[in-house]
Amino acid sequence: MIPEEIFKRRPRHNNTPASVLLIITNFIVTAGALSLFANKDNVNWFFWVIEAGLGLYNFFTIRRNREEFENKGILYSYVFSLVLLVAVFFLFRYM
């Protein structure tokens, strides 16, 4: 029989770290904005507005959860995800 603690462990994803949610949000918003506002020929100005808003969201999220981002492993994974976002931009743009 399965213990009840398994089902009560993660209600509404309260135990998901803010850094993981931030990285997932970055990828979802950037991929959606790229598919809607960029093609091989040009990038619409609204894409850059969305990315600026995402940058502000990142700034305030990191500022609110500063103690979590003081861990070097989490900080390196966040920076690596930003590098991957640049790679996703060029991959979507030139394919």
PDB file of N, CA and C in Angstrom:
ATOM      1  N   MET A   1       0.833  -1.171   0.000  1.00  0.00           N
ATOM      2  CA  MET A   1       0.000   0.000   0.000  1.00  0.00           C
ATOM      3  C   MET A   1       0.889   1.250   0.000  1.00  0.00           C
ATOM      4  N   ILE A   2       0.470   2.289  -0.699  1.00  0.00           N
ATOM      5  CA  ILE A   2       1.246   3.527  -0.833  1.00  0.00           C
ATOM      6  C   ILE A   2       0.944   4.434   0.355  1.00  0.00           C
ATOM      7  N   PRO A   3       1.991   4.960   1.009  1.00  0.00           N
ATOM      8  CA  PRO A   3       1.744   5.859   2.135  1.00  0.00           C
ATOM      9  C   PRO A   3       1.134   7.181   1.677  1.00  0.00           C
ATOM     10  N   GLU A   4       0.370   7.797   2.557  1.00  0.00           N
ATOM     11  CA  GLU A   4      -0.317   9.045   2.228  1.00  0.00           C
ATOM     12  C   GLU A   4       0.633  10.225   2.075  1.00  0.00           C
ATOM     13  N   GLU A   5       1.825  10.156   2.649  1.00  0.00           N
ATOM     14  CA  GLU A   5       2.760  11.277   2.578  1.00  0.00           C
ATOM     15  C   GLU A   5       3.194  11.578   1.152  1.00  0.00           C
ATOM     16  N   ILE A   6       3.169  10.563   0.298  1.00  0.00           N
ATOM     17  CA  ILE A   6       3.582  10.768  -1.088  1.00  0.00           C
ATOM     18  C   ILE A   6       2.641  11.742  -1.784  1.00  0.00           C
ATOM     19  N   PHE A   7       1.351  11.622  -1.524  1.00  0.00           N
ATOM     20  CA  PHE A   7       0.389  12.483  -2.200  1.00  0.00           C
ATOM     21  C   PHE A   7       0.278  13.858  -1.549  1.00  0.00           C
ATOM     22  N   LYS A   8       0.688  14.006  -0.325  1.00  0.00           N
ATOM     23  CA  LYS A   8       0.608  15.287   0.368  1.00  0.00           C
ATOM     24  C   LYS A   8       1.920  16.053   0.310  1.00  0.00           C
ATOM     25  N   ARG A   9       2.923  15.478  -0.324  1.00  0.00           N
ATOM     26  CA  ARG A   9       4.260  16.053  -0.284  1.00  0.00           C
ATOM     27  C   ARG A   9       4.375  17.341  -1.089  1.00  0.00           C
ATOM     28  N   ARG A  10       3.752  17.433  -2.255  1.00  0.00           N
ATOM     29  CA  ARG A  10       3.953  18.592  -3.118  1.00  0.00           C
ATOM     30  C   ARG A  10       2.640  19.231  -3.550  1.00  0.00           C
ATOM     31  N   PRO A  11       1.879  19.776  -2.647  1.00  0.00           N
ATOM     32  CA  PRO A  11       0.658  20.451  -3.094  1.00  0.00           C
ATOM     33  C   PRO A  11       1.002  21.780  -3.766  1.00  0.00           C
ATOM     34  N   ARG A  12       0.457  22.018  -4.916  1.00  0.00           N
ATOM     35  CA  ARG A  12       0.647  23.261  -5.689  1.00  0.00           C
ATOM     36  C   ARG A  12       2.109  23.579  -5.940  1.00  0.00           C
ATOM     37  N   HIS A  13       2.965  22.592  -5.967  1.00  0.00           N
ATOM     38  CA  HIS A  13       4.393  22.753  -6.277  1.00  0.00           C
ATOM     39  C   HIS A  13       5.080  23.744  -5.350  1.00  0.00           C
ATOM     40  N   ASN A  14       4.737  23.735  -4.091  1.00  0.00           N
ATOM     41  CA  ASN A  14       5.378  24.635  -3.137  1.00  0.00           C
ATOM     42  C   ASN A  14       6.830  24.269  -2.872  1.00  0.00           C
ATOM     43  N   ASN A  15       7.209  23.040  -3.188  1.00  0.00           N
ATOM     44  CA  ASN A  15       8.576  22.623  -2.919  1.00  0.00           C
ATOM     45  C   ASN A  15       9.490  22.758  -4.127  1.00  0.00           C
ATOM     46  N   THR A  16       8.979  23.228  -5.246  1.00  0.00           N
ATOM     47  CA  THR A  16       9.816  23.442  -6.415  1.00  0.00           C
ATOM     48  C   THR A  16      10.641  24.698  -6.197  1.00  0.00           C
ATOM     49  N   PRO A  17      11.973  24.617  -6.337  1.00  0.00           N
ATOM     50  CA  PRO A  17      12.806  25.803  -6.110  1.00  0.00           C
ATOM     51  C   PRO A  17      12.477  26.921  -7.102  1.00  0.00           C
ATOM     52  N   ALA A  18      12.631  28.130  -6.651  1.00  0.00           N
ATOM     53  CA  ALA A  18      12.333  29.287  -7.503  1.00  0.00           C
ATOM     54  C   ALA A  18      13.270  29.347  -8.700  1.00  0.00           C
ATOM     55  N   SER A  19      14.491  28.864  -8.544  1.00  0.00           N
ATOM     56  CA  SER A  19      15.442  28.890  -9.659  1.00  0.00           C
ATOM     57  C   SER A  19      14.973  27.976 -10.790  1.00  0.00           C
ATOM     58  N   VAL A  20      14.436  26.824 -10.461  1.00  0.00           N
ATOM     59  CA  VAL A  20      13.940  25.898 -11.488  1.00  0.00           C
ATOM     60  C   VAL A  20      12.726  26.501 -12.189  1.00  0.00           C
ATOM     61  N   LEU A  21      11.824  27.091 -11.432  1.00  0.00           N
ATOM     62  CA  LEU A  21      10.657  27.733 -12.039  1.00  0.00           C
ATOM     63  C   LEU A  21      11.066  28.897 -12.937  1.00  0.00           C
ATOM     64  N   LEU A  22      12.094  29.630 -12.538  1.00  0.00           N
ATOM     65  CA  LEU A  22      12.575  30.754 -13.341  1.00  0.00           C
ATOM     66  C   LEU A  22      13.178  30.265 -14.649  1.00  0.00           C
ATOM     67  N   ILE A  23      13.962  29.205 -14.606  1.00  0.00           N
ATOM     68  CA  ILE A  23      14.576  28.665 -15.824  1.00  0.00           C
ATOM     69  C   ILE A  23      13.501  28.134 -16.768  1.00  0.00           C
ATOM     70  N   ILE A  24      12.521  27.427 -16.240  1.00  0.00           N
ATOM     71  CA  ILE A  24      11.438  26.899 -17.077  1.00  0.00           C
ATOM     72  C   ILE A  24      10.631  28.034 -17.693  1.00  0.00           C
ATOM     73  N   THR A  25      10.359  29.062 -16.904  1.00  0.00           N
ATOM     74  CA  THR A  25       9.623  30.222 -17.421  1.00  0.00           C
ATOM     75  C   THR A  25      10.393  30.912 -18.533  1.00  0.00           C
ATOM     76  N   ASN A  26      11.701  31.055 -18.363  1.00  0.00           N
ATOM     77  CA  ASN A  26      12.523  31.681 -19.403  1.00  0.00           C
ATOM     78  C   ASN A  26      12.422  30.926 -20.721  1.00  0.00           C
ATOM     79  N   PHE A  27      12.527  29.607 -20.660  1.00  0.00           N
ATOM     80  CA  PHE A  27      12.477  28.824 -21.885  1.00  0.00           C
ATOM     81  C   PHE A  27      11.094  28.864 -22.538  1.00  0.00           C
ATOM     82  N   ILE A  28      10.049  28.786 -21.761  1.00  0.00           N
ATOM     83  CA  ILE A  28       8.701  28.789 -22.331  1.00  0.00           C
ATOM     84  C   ILE A  28       8.390  30.134 -22.976  1.00  0.00           C
ATOM     85  N   VAL A  29       8.692  31.219 -22.289  1.00  0.00           N
ATOM     86  CA  VAL A  29       8.387  32.549 -22.829  1.00  0.00           C
ATOM     87  C   VAL A  29       9.234  32.846 -24.062  1.00  0.00           C
ATOM     88  N   THR A  30      10.517  32.505 -24.019  1.00  0.00           N
ATOM     89  CA  THR A  30      11.384  32.778 -25.161  1.00  0.00           C
ATOM     90  C   THR A  30      10.992  31.933 -26.369  1.00  0.00           C
ATOM     91  N   ALA A  31      10.698  30.670 -26.164  1.00  0.00           N
ATOM     92  CA  ALA A  31      10.293  29.822 -27.295  1.00  0.00           C
ATOM     93  C   ALA A  31       8.971  30.299 -27.882  1.00  0.00           C
ATOM     94  N   GLY A  32       8.032  30.691 -27.039  1.00  0.00           N
ATOM     95  CA  GLY A  32       6.764  31.206 -27.542  1.00  0.00           C
ATOM     96  C   GLY A  32       6.923  32.510 -28.293  1.00  0.00           C
ATOM     97  N   ALA A  33       7.726  33.406 -27.754  1.00  0.00           N
ATOM     98  CA  ALA A  33       7.949  34.694 -28.425  1.00  0.00           C
ATOM     99  C   ALA A  33       8.700  34.509 -29.744  1.00  0.00           C
ATOM    100  N   LEU A  34       9.648  33.587 -29.772  1.00  0.00           N
ATOM    101  CA  LEU A  34      10.370  33.331 -31.018  1.00  0.00           C
ATOM    102  C   LEU A  34       9.452  32.770 -32.089  1.00  0.00           C
ATOM    103  N   SER A  35       8.599  31.853 -31.703  1.00  0.00           N
ATOM    104  CA  SER A  35       7.725  31.249 -32.702  1.00  0.00           C
ATOM    105  C   SER A  35       6.679  32.244 -33.218  1.00  0.00           C
ATOM    106  N   LEU A  36       6.303  33.209 -32.392  1.00  0.00           N
ATOM    107  CA  LEU A  36       5.296  34.175 -32.818  1.00  0.00           C
ATOM    108  C   LEU A  36       5.873  35.399 -33.518  1.00  0.00           C
ATOM    109  N   PHE A  37       7.030  35.886 -33.075  1.00  0.00           N
ATOM    110  CA  PHE A  37       7.501  37.191 -33.531  1.00  0.00           C
ATOM    111  C   PHE A  37       8.852  37.185 -34.231  1.00  0.00           C
ATOM    112  N   ALA A  38       9.380  36.034 -34.599  1.00  0.00           N
ATOM    113  CA  ALA A  38      10.662  35.996 -35.301  1.00  0.00           C
ATOM    114  C   ALA A  38      10.597  34.988 -36.432  1.00  0.00           C
ATOM    115  N   ASN A  39      11.302  35.319 -37.511  1.00  0.00           N
ATOM    116  CA  ASN A  39      11.466  34.382 -38.610  1.00  0.00           C
ATOM    117  C   ASN A  39      12.861  34.577 -39.184  1.00  0.00           C
ATOM    118  N   LYS A  40      13.146  33.930 -40.311  1.00  0.00           N
ATOM    119  CA  LYS A  40      14.494  34.000 -40.869  1.00  0.00           C
ATOM    120  C   LYS A  40      14.861  35.405 -41.339  1.00  0.00           C
ATOM    121  N   ASP A  41      13.881  36.158 -41.778  1.00  0.00           N
ATOM    122  CA  ASP A  41      14.162  37.462 -42.362  1.00  0.00           C
ATOM    123  C   ASP A  41      14.315  38.570 -41.335  1.00  0.00           C
ATOM    124  N   ASN A  42      13.465  38.595 -40.323  1.00  0.00           N
ATOM    125  CA  ASN A  42      13.538  39.681 -39.346  1.00  0.00           C
ATOM    126  C   ASN A  42      12.980  39.248 -38.001  1.00  0.00           C
ATOM    127  N   VAL A  43      13.261  40.073 -37.012  1.00  0.00           N
ATOM    128  CA  VAL A  43      12.722  39.881 -35.672  1.00  0.00           C
ATOM    129  C   VAL A  43      11.843  41.089 -35.374  1.00  0.00           C
ATOM    130  N   ASN A  44      10.601  40.832 -35.040  1.00  0.00           N
ATOM    131  CA  ASN A  44       9.666  41.907 -34.751  1.00  0.00           C
ATOM    132  C   ASN A  44      10.089  42.638 -33.476  1.00  0.00           C
ATOM    133  N   TRP A  45       9.791  43.923 -33.422  1.00  0.00           N
ATOM    134  CA  TRP A  45      10.173  44.723 -32.258  1.00  0.00           C
ATOM    135  C   TRP A  45       9.486  44.237 -30.993  1.00  0.00           C
ATOM    136  N   PHE A  46       8.303  43.633 -31.102  1.00  0.00           N
ATOM    137  CA  PHE A  46       7.579  43.183 -29.919  1.00  0.00           C
ATOM    138  C   PHE A  46       8.287  42.016 -29.230  1.00  0.00           C
ATOM    139  N   PHE A  47       9.071  41.243 -29.986  1.00  0.00           N
ATOM    140  CA  PHE A  47       9.882  40.188 -29.379  1.00  0.00           C
ATOM    141  C   PHE A  47      10.834  40.784 -28.352  1.00  0.00           C
ATOM    142  N   TRP A  48      11.457  41.890 -28.691  1.00  0.00           N
ATOM    143  CA  TRP A  48      12.415  42.521 -27.769  1.00  0.00           C
ATOM    144  C   TRP A  48      11.699  43.131 -26.571  1.00  0.00           C
ATOM    145  N   VAL A  49      10.459  43.575 -26.752  1.00  0.00           N
ATOM    146  CA  VAL A  49       9.670  44.060 -25.622  1.00  0.00           C
ATOM    147  C   VAL A  49       9.375  42.912 -24.656  1.00  0.00           C
ATOM    148  N   ILE A  50       9.026  41.755 -25.212  1.00  0.00           N
ATOM    149  CA  ILE A  50       8.773  40.578 -24.369  1.00  0.00           C
ATOM    150  C   ILE A  50      10.038  40.164 -23.632  1.00  0.00           C
ATOM    151  N   GLU A  51      11.176  40.165 -24.319  1.00  0.00           N
ATOM    152  CA  GLU A  51      12.435  39.779 -23.676  1.00  0.00           C
ATOM    153  C   GLU A  51      12.843  40.788 -22.599  1.00  0.00           C
ATOM    154  N   ALA A  52      12.561  42.070 -22.810  1.00  0.00           N
ATOM    155  CA  ALA A  52      12.848  43.064 -21.775  1.00  0.00           C
ATOM    156  C   ALA A  52      11.968  42.829 -20.551  1.00  0.00           C
ATOM    157  N   GLY A  53      10.702  42.512 -20.776  1.00  0.00           N
ATOM    158  CA  GLY A  53       9.809  42.174 -19.658  1.00  0.00           C
ATOM    159  C   GLY A  53      10.272  40.925 -18.929  1.00  0.00           C
ATOM    160  N   LEU A  54      10.762  39.954 -19.671  1.00  0.00           N
ATOM    161  CA  LEU A  54      11.298  38.735 -19.060  1.00  0.00           C
ATOM    162  C   LEU A  54      12.554  39.043 -18.253  1.00  0.00           C
ATOM    163  N   GLY A  55      13.364  39.965 -18.749  1.00  0.00           N
ATOM    164  CA  GLY A  55      14.546  40.382 -17.993  1.00  0.00           C
ATOM    165  C   GLY A  55      14.174  41.052 -16.676  1.00  0.00           C
ATOM    166  N   LEU A  56      13.150  41.885 -16.701  1.00  0.00           N
ATOM    167  CA  LEU A  56      12.668  42.509 -15.465  1.00  0.00           C
ATOM    168  C   LEU A  56      12.118  41.470 -14.499  1.00  0.00           C
ATOM    169  N   TYR A  57      11.389  40.496 -15.031  1.00  0.00           N
ATOM    170  CA  TYR A  57      10.863  39.416 -14.196  1.00  0.00           C
ATOM    171  C   TYR A  57      12.012  38.633 -13.561  1.00  0.00           C
ATOM    172  N   ASN A  58      13.057  38.357 -14.336  1.00  0.00           N
ATOM    173  CA  ASN A  58      14.227  37.660 -13.791  1.00  0.00           C
ATOM    174  C   ASN A  58      14.891  38.477 -12.689  1.00  0.00           C
ATOM    175  N   PHE A  59      15.037  39.774 -12.915  1.00  0.00           N
ATOM    176  CA  PHE A  59      15.679  40.635 -11.930  1.00  0.00           C
ATOM    177  C   PHE A  59      14.931  40.615 -10.602  1.00  0.00           C
ATOM    178  N   PHE A  60      13.626  40.781 -10.653  1.00  0.00           N
ATOM    179  CA  PHE A  60      12.856  40.829  -9.417  1.00  0.00           C
ATOM    180  C   PHE A  60      12.733  39.458  -8.755  1.00  0.00           C
ATOM    181  N   THR A  61      12.698  38.397  -9.551  1.00  0.00           N
ATOM    182  CA  THR A  61      12.652  37.052  -8.964  1.00  0.00           C
ATOM    183  C   THR A  61      13.962  36.717  -8.266  1.00  0.00           C
ATOM    184  N   ILE A  62      15.077  37.054  -8.894  1.00  0.00           N
ATOM    185  CA  ILE A  62      16.381  36.801  -8.256  1.00  0.00           C
ATOM    186  C   ILE A  62      16.539  37.673  -7.021  1.00  0.00           C
ATOM    187  N   ARG A  63      16.068  38.894  -7.094  1.00  0.00           N
ATOM    188  CA  ARG A  63      16.163  39.786  -5.938  1.00  0.00           C
ATOM    189  C   ARG A  63      15.318  39.291  -4.762  1.00  0.00           C
ATOM    190  N   ARG A  64      14.141  38.729  -5.052  1.00  0.00           N
ATOM    191  CA  ARG A  64      13.271  38.213  -4.010  1.00  0.00           C
ATOM    192  C   ARG A  64      13.842  36.937  -3.391  1.00  0.00           C
ATOM    193  N   ASN A  65      14.497  36.109  -4.199  1.00  0.00           N
ATOM    194  CA  ASN A  65      15.043  34.834  -3.731  1.00  0.00           C
ATOM    195  C   ASN A  65      16.570  34.870  -3.729  1.00  0.00           C
ATOM    196  N   ARG A  66      17.136  35.925  -3.223  1.00  0.00           N
ATOM    197  CA  ARG A  66      18.579  36.126  -3.271  1.00  0.00           C
ATOM    198  C   ARG A  66      19.349  35.030  -2.549  1.00  0.00           C
ATOM    199  N   GLU A  67      18.833  34.546  -1.431  1.00  0.00           N
ATOM    200  CA  GLU A  67      19.562  33.528  -0.669  1.00  0.00           C
ATOM    201  C   GLU A  67      19.655  32.212  -1.432  1.00  0.00           C
ATOM    202  N   GLU A  68      18.687  31.929  -2.300  1.00  0.00           N
ATOM    203  CA  GLU A  68      18.764  30.705  -3.097  1.00  0.00           C
ATOM    204  C   GLU A  68      19.826  30.818  -4.184  1.00  0.00           C
ATOM    205  N   PHE A  69      19.966  32.000  -4.768  1.00  0.00           N
ATOM    206  CA  PHE A  69      20.912  32.191  -5.853  1.00  0.00           C
ATOM    207  C   PHE A  69      22.334  32.440  -5.363  1.00  0.00           C
ATOM    208  N   GLU A  70      22.564  32.455  -4.063  1.00  0.00           N
ATOM    209  CA  GLU A  70      23.927  32.563  -3.546  1.00  0.00           C
ATOM    210  C   GLU A  70      24.676  31.250  -3.656  1.00  0.00           C
ATOM    211  N   ASN A  71      23.959  30.143  -3.846  1.00  0.00           N
ATOM    212  CA  ASN A  71      24.577  28.844  -4.058  1.00  0.00           C
ATOM    213  C   ASN A  71      25.222  28.829  -5.443  1.00  0.00           C
ATOM    214  N   LYS A  72      26.498  28.477  -5.518  1.00  0.00           N
ATOM    215  CA  LYS A  72      27.220  28.544  -6.786  1.00  0.00           C
ATOM    216  C   LYS A  72      26.680  27.569  -7.822  1.00  0.00           C
ATOM    217  N   GLY A  73      26.223  26.405  -7.399  1.00  0.00           N
ATOM    218  CA  GLY A  73      25.671  25.445  -8.353  1.00  0.00           C
ATOM    219  C   GLY A  73      24.423  25.962  -9.029  1.00  0.00           C
ATOM    220  N   ILE A  74      23.552  26.575  -8.257  1.00  0.00           N
ATOM    221  CA  ILE A  74      22.322  27.143  -8.820  1.00  0.00           C
ATOM    222  C   ILE A  74      22.642  28.330  -9.714  1.00  0.00           C
ATOM    223  N   LEU A  75      23.595  29.142  -9.294  1.00  0.00           N
ATOM    224  CA  LEU A  75      23.990  30.294 -10.103  1.00  0.00           C
ATOM    225  C   LEU A  75      24.596  29.846 -11.433  1.00  0.00           C
ATOM    226  N   TYR A  76      25.445  28.828 -11.418  1.00  0.00           N
ATOM    227  CA  TYR A  76      26.031  28.311 -12.656  1.00  0.00           C
ATOM    228  C   TYR A  76      24.964  27.716 -13.570  1.00  0.00           C
ATOM    229  N   SER A  77      23.996  27.015 -12.994  1.00  0.00           N
ATOM    230  CA  SER A  77      22.943  26.440 -13.827  1.00  0.00           C
ATOM    231  C   SER A  77      22.077  27.538 -14.440  1.00  0.00           C
ATOM    232  N   TYR A  78      21.850  28.629 -13.711  1.00  0.00           N
ATOM    233  CA  TYR A  78      21.077  29.746 -14.255  1.00  0.00           C
ATOM    234  C   TYR A  78      21.828  30.414 -15.407  1.00  0.00           C
ATOM    235  N   VAL A  79      23.120  30.648 -15.233  1.00  0.00           N
ATOM    236  CA  VAL A  79      23.923  31.273 -16.292  1.00  0.00           C
ATOM    237  C   VAL A  79      24.003  30.346 -17.503  1.00  0.00           C
ATOM    238  N   PHE A  80      24.157  29.044 -17.270  1.00  0.00           N
ATOM    239  CA  PHE A  80      24.182  28.080 -18.365  1.00  0.00           C
ATOM    240  C   PHE A  80      22.848  28.083 -19.112  1.00  0.00           C
ATOM    241  N   SER A  81      21.746  28.239 -18.403  1.00  0.00           N
ATOM    242  CA  SER A  81      20.442  28.281 -19.071  1.00  0.00           C
ATOM    243  C   SER A  81      20.310  29.539 -19.927  1.00  0.00           C
ATOM    244  N   LEU A  82      20.918  30.644 -19.493  1.00  0.00           N
ATOM    245  CA  LEU A  82      20.888  31.862 -20.311  1.00  0.00           C
ATOM    246  C   LEU A  82      21.695  31.679 -21.595  1.00  0.00           C
ATOM    247  N   VAL A  83      22.824  30.977 -21.490  1.00  0.00           N
ATOM    248  CA  VAL A  83      23.615  30.675 -22.686  1.00  0.00           C
ATOM    249  C   VAL A  83      22.816  29.776 -23.623  1.00  0.00           C
ATOM    250  N   LEU A  84      22.108  28.815 -23.072  1.00  0.00           N
ATOM    251  CA  LEU A  84      21.260  27.953 -23.893  1.00  0.00           C
ATOM    252  C   LEU A  84      20.127  28.739 -24.547  1.00  0.00           C
ATOM    253  N   LEU A  85      19.617  29.758 -23.878  1.00  0.00           N
ATOM    254  CA  LEU A  85      18.571  30.586 -24.479  1.00  0.00           C
ATOM    255  C   LEU A  85      19.085  31.339 -25.698  1.00  0.00           C
ATOM    256  N   VAL A  86      20.319  31.810 -25.635  1.00  0.00           N
ATOM    257  CA  VAL A  86      20.918  32.465 -26.800  1.00  0.00           C
ATOM    258  C   VAL A  86      21.066  31.453 -27.938  1.00  0.00           C
ATOM    259  N   ALA A  87      21.474  30.232 -27.604  1.00  0.00           N
ATOM    260  CA  ALA A  87      21.587  29.188 -28.626  1.00  0.00           C
ATOM    261  C   ALA A  87      20.221  28.853 -29.218  1.00  0.00           C
ATOM    262  N   VAL A  88      19.180  28.823 -28.395  1.00  0.00           N
ATOM    263  CA  VAL A  88      17.817  28.560 -28.886  1.00  0.00           C
ATOM    264  C   VAL A  88      17.378  29.681 -29.820  1.00  0.00           C
ATOM    265  N   PHE A  89      17.743  30.910 -29.500  1.00  0.00           N
ATOM    266  CA  PHE A  89      17.406  32.041 -30.373  1.00  0.00           C
ATOM    267  C   PHE A  89      17.993  31.835 -31.760  1.00  0.00           C
ATOM    268  N   PHE A  90      19.287  31.517 -31.826  1.00  0.00           N
ATOM    269  CA  PHE A  90      19.910  31.332 -33.135  1.00  0.00           C
ATOM    270  C   PHE A  90      19.418  30.066 -33.826  1.00  0.00           C
ATOM    271  N   LEU A  91      19.097  29.044 -33.063  1.00  0.00           N
ATOM    272  CA  LEU A  91      18.573  27.815 -33.658  1.00  0.00           C
ATOM    273  C   LEU A  91      17.205  28.051 -34.287  1.00  0.00           C
ATOM    274  N   PHE A  92      16.315  28.729 -33.579  1.00  0.00           N
ATOM    275  CA  PHE A  92      14.981  29.010 -34.125  1.00  0.00           C
ATOM    276  C   PHE A  92      15.060  30.006 -35.280  1.00  0.00           C
ATOM    277  N   ARG A  93      15.966  30.940 -35.160  1.00  0.00           N
ATOM    278  CA  ARG A  93      16.032  32.012 -36.151  1.00  0.00           C
ATOM    279  C   ARG A  93      16.576  31.536 -37.484  1.00  0.00           C
ATOM    280  N   TYR A  94      17.575  30.661 -37.460  1.00  0.00           N
ATOM    281  CA  TYR A  94      18.254  30.304 -38.706  1.00  0.00           C
ATOM    282  C   TYR A  94      17.919  28.915 -39.227  1.00  0.00           C
ATOM    283  N   MET A  95      16.931  28.263 -38.648  1.00  0.00           N
ATOM    284  CA  MET A  95      16.546  26.959 -39.192  1.00  0.00           C
ATOM    285  C   MET A  95      15.273  27.068 -39.983  1.00  0.00           C
TER     286      MET A  95
END
